[in-house]
């Protein structure tokens, strides 16, 4: 007897594989639900850091203008300020949601 499709999820007789009894889909849905909610909140968190985002954008724009040269760490100080502001906004939002706030 030959195994048809061995190693590709088929049974010995070439039929469909048996269904899993693990709650795989519910785990994936919960994970993707959290990811989607974080992505939806991104613009709100970024809006809190408008001044930092503007400073970083200006730095990058100036270094990519004609005659400018974008180099590694050229705008590191502005980027770090933006990153810190964004992290603080996310942290504040998470603390507010744990306390039942918006």
PDB file of N, CA and C in Angstrom:
ATOM      1  N   UNK A   1       0.847  -1.169   0.000  1.00  0.00           N
ATOM      2  CA  UNK A   1       0.000   0.000   0.000  1.00  0.00           C
ATOM      3  C   UNK A   1       0.894   1.235   0.000  1.00  0.00           C
ATOM      4  N   UNK A   2       0.581   2.218  -0.828  1.00  0.00           N
ATOM      5  CA  UNK A   2       1.365   3.431  -0.959  1.00  0.00           C
ATOM      6  C   UNK A   2       0.691   4.552  -0.189  1.00  0.00           C
ATOM      7  N   UNK A   3       1.492   5.354   0.450  1.00  0.00           N
ATOM      8  CA  UNK A   3       0.947   6.512   1.159  1.00  0.00           C
ATOM      9  C   UNK A   3       0.834   7.667   0.166  1.00  0.00           C
ATOM     10  N   UNK A   4      -0.379   8.120  -0.071  1.00  0.00           N
ATOM     11  CA  UNK A   4      -0.599   9.230  -0.991  1.00  0.00           C
ATOM     12  C   UNK A   4      -0.510  10.537  -0.233  1.00  0.00           C
ATOM     13  N   UNK A   5       0.311  11.431  -0.729  1.00  0.00           N
ATOM     14  CA  UNK A   5       0.411  12.751  -0.106  1.00  0.00           C
ATOM     15  C   UNK A   5       0.960  12.695   1.308  1.00  0.00           C
ATOM     16  N   UNK A   6       1.816  11.739   1.591  1.00  0.00           N
ATOM     17  CA  UNK A   6       2.363  11.597   2.936  1.00  0.00           C
ATOM     18  C   UNK A   6       3.108  12.860   3.338  1.00  0.00           C
ATOM     19  N   UNK A   7       2.869  13.321   4.544  1.00  0.00           N
ATOM     20  CA  UNK A   7       3.553  14.490   5.048  1.00  0.00           C
ATOM     21  C   UNK A   7       2.887  15.801   4.651  1.00  0.00           C
ATOM     22  N   UNK A   8       1.766  15.702   3.932  1.00  0.00           N
ATOM     23  CA  UNK A   8       1.090  16.922   3.512  1.00  0.00           C
ATOM     24  C   UNK A   8      -0.306  17.015   4.115  1.00  0.00           C
ATOM     25  N   UNK A   9      -0.517  16.395   5.252  1.00  0.00           N
ATOM     26  CA  UNK A   9      -1.798  16.503   5.935  1.00  0.00           C
ATOM     27  C   UNK A   9      -2.864  15.558   5.421  1.00  0.00           C
ATOM     28  N   UNK A  10      -2.494  14.593   4.619  1.00  0.00           N
ATOM     29  CA  UNK A  10      -3.468  13.641   4.083  1.00  0.00           C
ATOM     30  C   UNK A  10      -3.411  12.335   4.861  1.00  0.00           C
ATOM     31  N   UNK A  11      -4.505  11.610   4.805  1.00  0.00           N
ATOM     32  CA  UNK A  11      -4.541  10.314   5.479  1.00  0.00           C
ATOM     33  C   UNK A  11      -3.900   9.266   4.585  1.00  0.00           C
ATOM     34  N   UNK A  12      -3.834   8.059   5.075  1.00  0.00           N
ATOM     35  CA  UNK A  12      -3.196   6.973   4.348  1.00  0.00           C
ATOM     36  C   UNK A  12      -3.906   6.699   3.028  1.00  0.00           C
ATOM     37  N   UNK A  13      -5.189   6.956   2.938  1.00  0.00           N
ATOM     38  CA  UNK A  13      -5.954   6.653   1.734  1.00  0.00           C
ATOM     39  C   UNK A  13      -6.168   7.895   0.874  1.00  0.00           C
ATOM     40  N   UNK A  14      -5.492   8.978   1.163  1.00  0.00           N
ATOM     41  CA  UNK A  14      -5.597  10.175   0.347  1.00  0.00           C
ATOM     42  C   UNK A  14      -6.745  11.080   0.741  1.00  0.00           C
ATOM     43  N   UNK A  15      -7.430  10.816   1.822  1.00  0.00           N
ATOM     44  CA  UNK A  15      -8.564  11.633   2.250  1.00  0.00           C
ATOM     45  C   UNK A  15      -8.113  12.911   2.936  1.00  0.00           C
ATOM     46  N   UNK A  16      -9.066  13.696   3.355  1.00  0.00           N
ATOM     47  CA  UNK A  16      -8.776  14.955   4.042  1.00  0.00           C
ATOM     48  C   UNK A  16      -8.256  14.679   5.453  1.00  0.00           C
ATOM     49  N   UNK A  17      -7.440  15.571   5.991  1.00  0.00           N
ATOM     50  CA  UNK A  17      -6.927  15.375   7.348  1.00  0.00           C
ATOM     51  C   UNK A  17      -8.038  15.528   8.375  1.00  0.00           C
ATOM     52  N   UNK A  18      -7.844  14.945   9.533  1.00  0.00           N
ATOM     53  CA  UNK A  18      -8.827  15.043  10.605  1.00  0.00           C
ATOM     54  C   UNK A  18      -8.794  16.440  11.206  1.00  0.00           C
ATOM     55  N   UNK A  19      -9.913  16.881  11.729  1.00  0.00           N
ATOM     56  CA  UNK A  19     -10.010  18.207  12.335  1.00  0.00           C
ATOM     57  C   UNK A  19      -9.248  18.235  13.650  1.00  0.00           C
ATOM     58  N   UNK A  20      -8.660  19.363  13.946  1.00  0.00           N
ATOM     59  CA  UNK A  20      -7.982  19.548  15.227  1.00  0.00           C
ATOM     60  C   UNK A  20      -9.013  19.860  16.285  1.00  0.00           C
ATOM     61  N   UNK A  21      -8.747  19.443  17.482  1.00  0.00           N
ATOM     62  CA  UNK A  21      -9.638  19.738  18.587  1.00  0.00           C
ATOM     63  C   UNK A  21      -9.104  20.867  19.443  1.00  0.00           C
ATOM     64  N   UNK A  22      -8.015  21.513  19.001  1.00  0.00           N
ATOM     65  CA  UNK A  22      -7.403  22.600  19.753  1.00  0.00           C
ATOM     66  C   UNK A  22      -8.132  23.905  19.444  1.00  0.00           C
ATOM     67  N   UNK A  23      -8.221  24.814  20.386  1.00  0.00           N
ATOM     68  CA  UNK A  23      -8.882  26.100  20.135  1.00  0.00           C
ATOM     69  C   UNK A  23      -7.948  27.085  19.440  1.00  0.00           C
ATOM     70  N   UNK A  24      -7.406  26.694  18.292  1.00  0.00           N
ATOM     71  CA  UNK A  24      -6.421  27.499  17.585  1.00  0.00           C
ATOM     72  C   UNK A  24      -7.026  28.795  17.061  1.00  0.00           C
ATOM     73  N   UNK A  25      -8.193  28.742  16.485  1.00  0.00           N
ATOM     74  CA  UNK A  25      -8.799  29.937  15.899  1.00  0.00           C
ATOM     75  C   UNK A  25      -9.127  30.988  16.954  1.00  0.00           C
ATOM     76  N   UNK A  26      -9.635  30.564  18.099  1.00  0.00           N
ATOM     77  CA  UNK A  26      -9.988  31.554  19.118  1.00  0.00           C
ATOM     78  C   UNK A  26      -8.737  32.250  19.649  1.00  0.00           C
ATOM     79  N   UNK A  27      -7.643  31.531  19.738  1.00  0.00           N
ATOM     80  CA  UNK A  27      -6.389  32.139  20.171  1.00  0.00           C
ATOM     81  C   UNK A  27      -5.915  33.163  19.149  1.00  0.00           C
ATOM     82  N   UNK A  28      -5.983  32.824  17.869  1.00  0.00           N
ATOM     83  CA  UNK A  28      -5.575  33.754  16.813  1.00  0.00           C
ATOM     84  C   UNK A  28      -6.471  34.979  16.778  1.00  0.00           C
ATOM     85  N   UNK A  29      -7.767  34.792  16.964  1.00  0.00           N
ATOM     86  CA  UNK A  29      -8.688  35.933  16.951  1.00  0.00           C
ATOM     87  C   UNK A  29      -8.386  36.891  18.085  1.00  0.00           C
ATOM     88  N   UNK A  30      -8.105  36.355  19.264  1.00  0.00           N
ATOM     89  CA  UNK A  30      -7.791  37.219  20.404  1.00  0.00           C
ATOM     90  C   UNK A  30      -6.516  37.996  20.142  1.00  0.00           C
ATOM     91  N   UNK A  31      -5.521  37.339  19.603  1.00  0.00           N
ATOM     92  CA  UNK A  31      -4.248  37.991  19.299  1.00  0.00           C
ATOM     93  C   UNK A  31      -4.451  39.100  18.280  1.00  0.00           C
ATOM     94  N   UNK A  32      -5.130  38.798  17.172  1.00  0.00           N
ATOM     95  CA  UNK A  32      -5.331  39.803  16.126  1.00  0.00           C
ATOM     96  C   UNK A  32      -6.257  40.911  16.598  1.00  0.00           C
ATOM     97  N   UNK A  33      -7.151  40.624  17.500  1.00  0.00           N
ATOM     98  CA  UNK A  33      -7.989  41.675  18.066  1.00  0.00           C
ATOM     99  C   UNK A  33      -7.164  42.686  18.841  1.00  0.00           C
ATOM    100  N   UNK A  34      -6.208  42.204  19.615  1.00  0.00           N
ATOM    101  CA  UNK A  34      -5.322  43.114  20.356  1.00  0.00           C
ATOM    102  C   UNK A  34      -4.449  43.922  19.404  1.00  0.00           C
ATOM    103  N   UNK A  35      -3.953  43.276  18.357  1.00  0.00           N
ATOM    104  CA  UNK A  35      -3.110  43.974  17.386  1.00  0.00           C
ATOM    105  C   UNK A  35      -3.914  45.071  16.689  1.00  0.00           C
ATOM    106  N   UNK A  36      -5.140  44.745  16.262  1.00  0.00           N
ATOM    107  CA  UNK A  36      -5.974  45.744  15.594  1.00  0.00           C
ATOM    108  C   UNK A  36      -6.294  46.917  16.505  1.00  0.00           C
ATOM    109  N   UNK A  37      -6.570  46.652  17.770  1.00  0.00           N
ATOM    110  CA  UNK A  37      -6.892  47.759  18.678  1.00  0.00           C
ATOM    111  C   UNK A  37      -5.676  48.666  18.887  1.00  0.00           C
ATOM    112  N   UNK A  38      -4.494  48.098  18.930  1.00  0.00           N
ATOM    113  CA  UNK A  38      -3.282  48.921  19.059  1.00  0.00           C
ATOM    114  C   UNK A  38      -3.056  49.765  17.815  1.00  0.00           C
ATOM    115  N   UNK A  39      -3.293  49.186  16.647  1.00  0.00           N
ATOM    116  CA  UNK A  39      -3.115  49.947  15.409  1.00  0.00           C
ATOM    117  C   UNK A  39      -4.142  51.068  15.294  1.00  0.00           C
ATOM    118  N   UNK A  40      -5.371  50.817  15.747  1.00  0.00           N
ATOM    119  CA  UNK A  40      -6.396  51.866  15.714  1.00  0.00           C
ATOM    120  C   UNK A  40      -6.046  53.020  16.641  1.00  0.00           C
ATOM    121  N   UNK A  41      -5.373  52.739  17.736  1.00  0.00           N
ATOM    122  CA  UNK A  41      -5.025  53.774  18.708  1.00  0.00           C
ATOM    123  C   UNK A  41      -3.782  54.560  18.299  1.00  0.00           C
ATOM    124  N   UNK A  42      -3.034  54.076  17.328  1.00  0.00           N
ATOM    125  CA  UNK A  42      -1.775  54.715  16.938  1.00  0.00           C
ATOM    126  C   UNK A  42      -1.936  56.193  16.589  1.00  0.00           C
ATOM    127  N   UNK A  43      -2.893  56.580  15.730  1.00  0.00           N
ATOM    128  CA  UNK A  43      -3.022  58.012  15.396  1.00  0.00           C
ATOM    129  C   UNK A  43      -3.319  58.884  16.610  1.00  0.00           C
ATOM    130  N   UNK A  44      -4.109  58.375  17.548  1.00  0.00           N
ATOM    131  CA  UNK A  44      -4.416  59.148  18.751  1.00  0.00           C
ATOM    132  C   UNK A  44      -3.165  59.375  19.596  1.00  0.00           C
ATOM    133  N   UNK A  45      -2.352  58.356  19.736  1.00  0.00           N
ATOM    134  CA  UNK A  45      -1.121  58.483  20.510  1.00  0.00           C
ATOM    135  C   UNK A  45      -0.142  59.428  19.810  1.00  0.00           C
ATOM    136  N   UNK A  46      -0.067  59.320  18.499  1.00  0.00           N
ATOM    137  CA  UNK A  46       0.844  60.168  17.743  1.00  0.00           C
ATOM    138  C   UNK A  46       0.406  61.630  17.788  1.00  0.00           C
ATOM    139  N   UNK A  47      -0.902  61.876  17.820  1.00  0.00           N
ATOM    140  CA  UNK A  47      -1.412  63.251  17.866  1.00  0.00           C
ATOM    141  C   UNK A  47      -0.973  63.972  19.138  1.00  0.00           C
ATOM    142  N   UNK A  48      -0.784  63.226  20.217  1.00  0.00           N
ATOM    143  CA  UNK A  48      -0.322  63.810  21.475  1.00  0.00           C
ATOM    144  C   UNK A  48       1.094  64.364  21.321  1.00  0.00           C
ATOM    145  N   UNK A  49       1.860  63.785  20.421  1.00  0.00           N
ATOM    146  CA  UNK A  49       3.272  64.136  20.256  1.00  0.00           C
ATOM    147  C   UNK A  49       3.509  64.961  18.991  1.00  0.00           C
ATOM    148  N   UNK A  50       2.612  65.857  18.695  1.00  0.00           N
ATOM    149  CA  UNK A  50       2.707  66.648  17.466  1.00  0.00           C
ATOM    150  C   UNK A  50       3.980  67.460  17.361  1.00  0.00           C
ATOM    151  N   UNK A  51       4.397  68.109  18.446  1.00  0.00           N
ATOM    152  CA  UNK A  51       5.608  68.947  18.402  1.00  0.00           C
ATOM    153  C   UNK A  51       6.848  68.105  18.143  1.00  0.00           C
ATOM    154  N   UNK A  52       6.927  66.951  18.789  1.00  0.00           N
ATOM    155  CA  UNK A  52       8.080  66.063  18.608  1.00  0.00           C
ATOM    156  C   UNK A  52       8.104  65.481  17.200  1.00  0.00           C
ATOM    157  N   UNK A  53       6.917  65.107  16.683  1.00  0.00           N
ATOM    158  CA  UNK A  53       6.835  64.561  15.325  1.00  0.00           C
ATOM    159  C   UNK A  53       7.233  65.615  14.300  1.00  0.00           C
ATOM    160  N   UNK A  54       6.816  66.859  14.539  1.00  0.00           N
ATOM    161  CA  UNK A  54       7.168  67.949  13.630  1.00  0.00           C
ATOM    162  C   UNK A  54       8.674  68.189  13.624  1.00  0.00           C
ATOM    163  N   UNK A  55       9.281  68.195  14.797  1.00  0.00           N
ATOM    164  CA  UNK A  55      10.729  68.421  14.887  1.00  0.00           C
ATOM    165  C   UNK A  55      11.499  67.309  14.166  1.00  0.00           C
ATOM    166  N   UNK A  56      11.071  66.070  14.360  1.00  0.00           N
ATOM    167  CA  UNK A  56      11.739  64.947  13.702  1.00  0.00           C
ATOM    168  C   UNK A  56      11.550  65.029  12.182  1.00  0.00           C
ATOM    169  N   UNK A  57      10.336  65.350  11.754  1.00  0.00           N
ATOM    170  CA  UNK A  57      10.060  65.479  10.323  1.00  0.00           C
ATOM    171  C   UNK A  57      10.886  66.579   9.674  1.00  0.00           C
ATOM    172  N   UNK A  58      11.011  67.700  10.359  1.00  0.00           N
ATOM    173  CA  UNK A  58      11.824  68.805   9.823  1.00  0.00           C
ATOM    174  C   UNK A  58      13.294  68.404   9.689  1.00  0.00           C
ATOM    175  N   UNK A  59      13.789  67.678  10.679  1.00  0.00           N
ATOM    176  CA  UNK A  59      15.178  67.231  10.636  1.00  0.00           C
ATOM    177  C   UNK A  59      15.412  66.302   9.448  1.00  0.00           C
ATOM    178  N   UNK A  60      14.517  65.350   9.262  1.00  0.00           N
ATOM    179  CA  UNK A  60      14.654  64.405   8.146  1.00  0.00           C
ATOM    180  C   UNK A  60      14.509  65.135   6.824  1.00  0.00           C
ATOM    181  N   UNK A  61      13.543  66.031   6.742  1.00  0.00           N
ATOM    182  CA  UNK A  61      13.333  66.773   5.506  1.00  0.00           C
ATOM    183  C   UNK A  61      14.561  67.615   5.154  1.00  0.00           C
ATOM    184  N   UNK A  62      15.128  68.276   6.124  1.00  0.00           N
ATOM    185  CA  UNK A  62      16.305  69.113   5.871  1.00  0.00           C
ATOM    186  C   UNK A  62      17.488  68.279   5.403  1.00  0.00           C
ATOM    187  N   UNK A  63      17.617  67.091   5.934  1.00  0.00           N
ATOM    188  CA  UNK A  63      18.761  66.265   5.558  1.00  0.00           C
ATOM    189  C   UNK A  63      18.565  65.555   4.228  1.00  0.00           C
ATOM    190  N   UNK A  64      17.331  65.513   3.716  1.00  0.00           N
ATOM    191  CA  UNK A  64      17.084  64.880   2.420  1.00  0.00           C
ATOM    192  C   UNK A  64      16.846  65.905   1.323  1.00  0.00           C
ATOM    193  N   UNK A  65      16.868  67.183   1.668  1.00  0.00           N
ATOM    194  CA  UNK A  65      16.713  68.243   0.665  1.00  0.00           C
ATOM    195  C   UNK A  65      17.921  68.230  -0.265  1.00  0.00           C
ATOM    196  N   UNK A  66      17.788  68.867  -1.427  1.00  0.00           N
ATOM    197  CA  UNK A  66      18.946  68.920  -2.343  1.00  0.00           C
ATOM    198  C   UNK A  66      20.178  69.470  -1.626  1.00  0.00           C
ATOM    199  N   UNK A  67      21.229  68.751  -1.712  1.00  0.00           N
ATOM    200  CA  UNK A  67      22.471  69.146  -1.053  1.00  0.00           C
ATOM    201  C   UNK A  67      22.621  68.539   0.337  1.00  0.00           C
ATOM    202  N   UNK A  68      21.556  68.056   0.899  1.00  0.00           N
ATOM    203  CA  UNK A  68      21.611  67.428   2.220  1.00  0.00           C
ATOM    204  C   UNK A  68      21.964  65.962   2.112  1.00  0.00           C
ATOM    205  N   UNK A  69      22.451  65.409   3.206  1.00  0.00           N
ATOM    206  CA  UNK A  69      22.805  63.986   3.214  1.00  0.00           C
ATOM    207  C   UNK A  69      22.241  63.353   4.470  1.00  0.00           C
ATOM    208  N   UNK A  70      21.321  62.416   4.287  1.00  0.00           N
ATOM    209  CA  UNK A  70      20.739  61.694   5.410  1.00  0.00           C
ATOM    210  C   UNK A  70      21.737  60.632   5.856  1.00  0.00           C
ATOM    211  N   UNK A  71      22.155  60.723   7.100  1.00  0.00           N
ATOM    212  CA  UNK A  71      23.112  59.772   7.659  1.00  0.00           C
ATOM    213  C   UNK A  71      22.518  59.166   8.920  1.00  0.00           C
ATOM    214  N   UNK A  72      23.037  58.023   9.269  1.00  0.00           N
ATOM    215  CA  UNK A  72      22.604  57.353  10.487  1.00  0.00           C
ATOM    216  C   UNK A  72      22.840  58.277  11.684  1.00  0.00           C
ATOM    217  N   UNK A  73      21.884  58.329  12.567  1.00  0.00           N
ATOM    218  CA  UNK A  73      21.931  59.092  13.816  1.00  0.00           C
ATOM    219  C   UNK A  73      21.962  60.605  13.615  1.00  0.00           C
ATOM    220  N   UNK A  74      21.693  61.083  12.410  1.00  0.00           N
ATOM    221  CA  UNK A  74      21.675  62.518  12.178  1.00  0.00           C
ATOM    222  C   UNK A  74      20.526  63.175  12.945  1.00  0.00           C
ATOM    223  N   UNK A  75      19.379  62.514  13.002  1.00  0.00           N
ATOM    224  CA  UNK A  75      18.203  63.042  13.696  1.00  0.00           C
ATOM    225  C   UNK A  75      17.888  62.203  14.936  1.00  0.00           C
ATOM    226  N   UNK A  76      18.901  61.606  15.522  1.00  0.00           N
ATOM    227  CA  UNK A  76      18.700  60.704  16.661  1.00  0.00           C
ATOM    228  C   UNK A  76      18.077  61.413  17.863  1.00  0.00           C
ATOM    229  N   UNK A  77      18.489  62.639  18.117  1.00  0.00           N
ATOM    230  CA  UNK A  77      17.960  63.371  19.264  1.00  0.00           C
ATOM    231  C   UNK A  77      16.463  63.635  19.079  1.00  0.00           C
ATOM    232  N   UNK A  78      16.054  64.050  17.891  1.00  0.00           N
ATOM    233  CA  UNK A  78      14.646  64.307  17.613  1.00  0.00           C
ATOM    234  C   UNK A  78      13.835  63.018  17.648  1.00  0.00           C
ATOM    235  N   UNK A  79      14.428  61.944  17.096  1.00  0.00           N
ATOM    236  CA  UNK A  79      13.730  60.662  17.106  1.00  0.00           C
ATOM    237  C   UNK A  79      13.536  60.158  18.534  1.00  0.00           C
ATOM    238  N   UNK A  80      14.542  60.283  19.362  1.00  0.00           N
ATOM    239  CA  UNK A  80      14.439  59.828  20.748  1.00  0.00           C
ATOM    240  C   UNK A  80      13.373  60.607  21.494  1.00  0.00           C
ATOM    241  N   UNK A  81      13.263  61.908  21.236  1.00  0.00           N
ATOM    242  CA  UNK A  81      12.213  62.707  21.868  1.00  0.00           C
ATOM    243  C   UNK A  81      10.833  62.228  21.422  1.00  0.00           C
ATOM    244  N   UNK A  82      10.681  61.929  20.138  1.00  0.00           N
ATOM    245  CA  UNK A  82       9.410  61.418  19.613  1.00  0.00           C
ATOM    246  C   UNK A  82       9.094  60.053  20.207  1.00  0.00           C
ATOM    247  N   UNK A  83      10.077  59.177  20.260  1.00  0.00           N
ATOM    248  CA  UNK A  83       9.871  57.830  20.805  1.00  0.00           C
ATOM    249  C   UNK A  83       9.463  57.895  22.274  1.00  0.00           C
ATOM    250  N   UNK A  84      10.129  58.734  23.038  1.00  0.00           N
ATOM    251  CA  UNK A  84       9.812  58.863  24.461  1.00  0.00           C
ATOM    252  C   UNK A  84       8.406  59.407  24.670  1.00  0.00           C
ATOM    253  N   UNK A  85       8.038  60.412  23.886  1.00  0.00           N
ATOM    254  CA  UNK A  85       6.697  60.986  23.986  1.00  0.00           C
ATOM    255  C   UNK A  85       5.639  59.942  23.638  1.00  0.00           C
ATOM    256  N   UNK A  86       5.880  59.203  22.569  1.00  0.00           N
ATOM    257  CA  UNK A  86       4.922  58.179  22.139  1.00  0.00           C
ATOM    258  C   UNK A  86       4.783  57.084  23.194  1.00  0.00           C
ATOM    259  N   UNK A  87       5.893  56.645  23.753  1.00  0.00           N
ATOM    260  CA  UNK A  87       5.854  55.611  24.795  1.00  0.00           C
ATOM    261  C   UNK A  87       5.083  56.101  26.018  1.00  0.00           C
ATOM    262  N   UNK A  88       5.282  57.368  26.384  1.00  0.00           N
ATOM    263  CA  UNK A  88       4.560  57.931  27.522  1.00  0.00           C
ATOM    264  C   UNK A  88       3.063  58.016  27.227  1.00  0.00           C
ATOM    265  N   UNK A  89       2.698  58.370  25.984  1.00  0.00           N
ATOM    266  CA  UNK A  89       1.286  58.456  25.611  1.00  0.00           C
ATOM    267  C   UNK A  89       0.624  57.084  25.653  1.00  0.00           C
ATOM    268  N   UNK A  90       1.320  56.072  25.179  1.00  0.00           N
ATOM    269  CA  UNK A  90       0.776  54.712  25.207  1.00  0.00           C
ATOM    270  C   UNK A  90       0.623  54.243  26.650  1.00  0.00           C
ATOM    271  N   UNK A  91       1.630  54.495  27.463  1.00  0.00           N
ATOM    272  CA  UNK A  91       1.585  54.083  28.867  1.00  0.00           C
ATOM    273  C   UNK A  91       0.416  54.758  29.584  1.00  0.00           C
ATOM    274  N   UNK A  92       0.241  56.041  29.350  1.00  0.00           N
ATOM    275  CA  UNK A  92      -0.853  56.775  29.980  1.00  0.00           C
ATOM    276  C   UNK A  92      -2.203  56.213  29.533  1.00  0.00           C
ATOM    277  N   UNK A  93      -2.313  55.891  28.263  1.00  0.00           N
ATOM    278  CA  UNK A  93      -3.547  55.319  27.725  1.00  0.00           C
ATOM    279  C   UNK A  93      -3.842  53.955  28.349  1.00  0.00           C
ATOM    280  N   UNK A  94      -2.813  53.122  28.486  1.00  0.00           N
ATOM    281  CA  UNK A  94      -3.001  51.802  29.089  1.00  0.00           C
ATOM    282  C   UNK A  94      -3.400  51.914  30.551  1.00  0.00           C
ATOM    283  N   UNK A  95      -2.794  52.841  31.269  1.00  0.00           N
ATOM    284  CA  UNK A  95      -3.146  53.032  32.678  1.00  0.00           C
ATOM    285  C   UNK A  95      -4.568  53.534  32.810  1.00  0.00           C
ATOM    286  N   UNK A  96      -4.983  54.402  31.905  1.00  0.00           N
ATOM    287  CA  UNK A  96      -6.354  54.918  31.931  1.00  0.00           C
ATOM    288  C   UNK A  96      -7.376  53.831  31.619  1.00  0.00           C
ATOM    289  N   UNK A  97      -7.045  52.919  30.702  1.00  0.00           N
ATOM    290  CA  UNK A  97      -7.985  51.854  30.349  1.00  0.00           C
ATOM    291  C   UNK A  97      -8.088  50.820  31.466  1.00  0.00           C
ATOM    292  N   UNK A  98      -7.037  50.647  32.231  1.00  0.00           N
ATOM    293  CA  UNK A  98      -7.089  49.692  33.341  1.00  0.00           C
ATOM    294  C   UNK A  98      -7.942  50.222  34.503  1.00  0.00           C
ATOM    295  N   UNK A  99      -8.017  51.556  34.601  1.00  0.00           N
ATOM    296  CA  UNK A  99      -8.801  52.170  35.671  1.00  0.00           C
ATOM    297  C   UNK A  99     -10.230  52.436  35.242  1.00  0.00           C
ATOM    298  N   UNK A 100     -10.589  52.002  34.032  1.00  0.00           N
ATOM    299  CA  UNK A 100     -11.938  52.178  33.558  1.00  0.00           C
ATOM    300  C   UNK A 100     -12.173  53.489  32.846  1.00  0.00           C
ATOM    301  N   UNK A 101     -11.110  54.206  32.550  1.00  0.00           N
ATOM    302  CA  UNK A 101     -11.230  55.479  31.850  1.00  0.00           C
ATOM    303  C   UNK A 101     -11.282  55.280  30.356  1.00  0.00           C
ATOM    304  N   UNK A 102     -11.304  56.358  29.553  1.00  0.00           N
ATOM    305  CA  UNK A 102     -11.359  56.245  28.101  1.00  0.00           C
ATOM    306  C   UNK A 102     -10.097  55.731  27.494  1.00  0.00           C
TER     307      UNK A 102
END
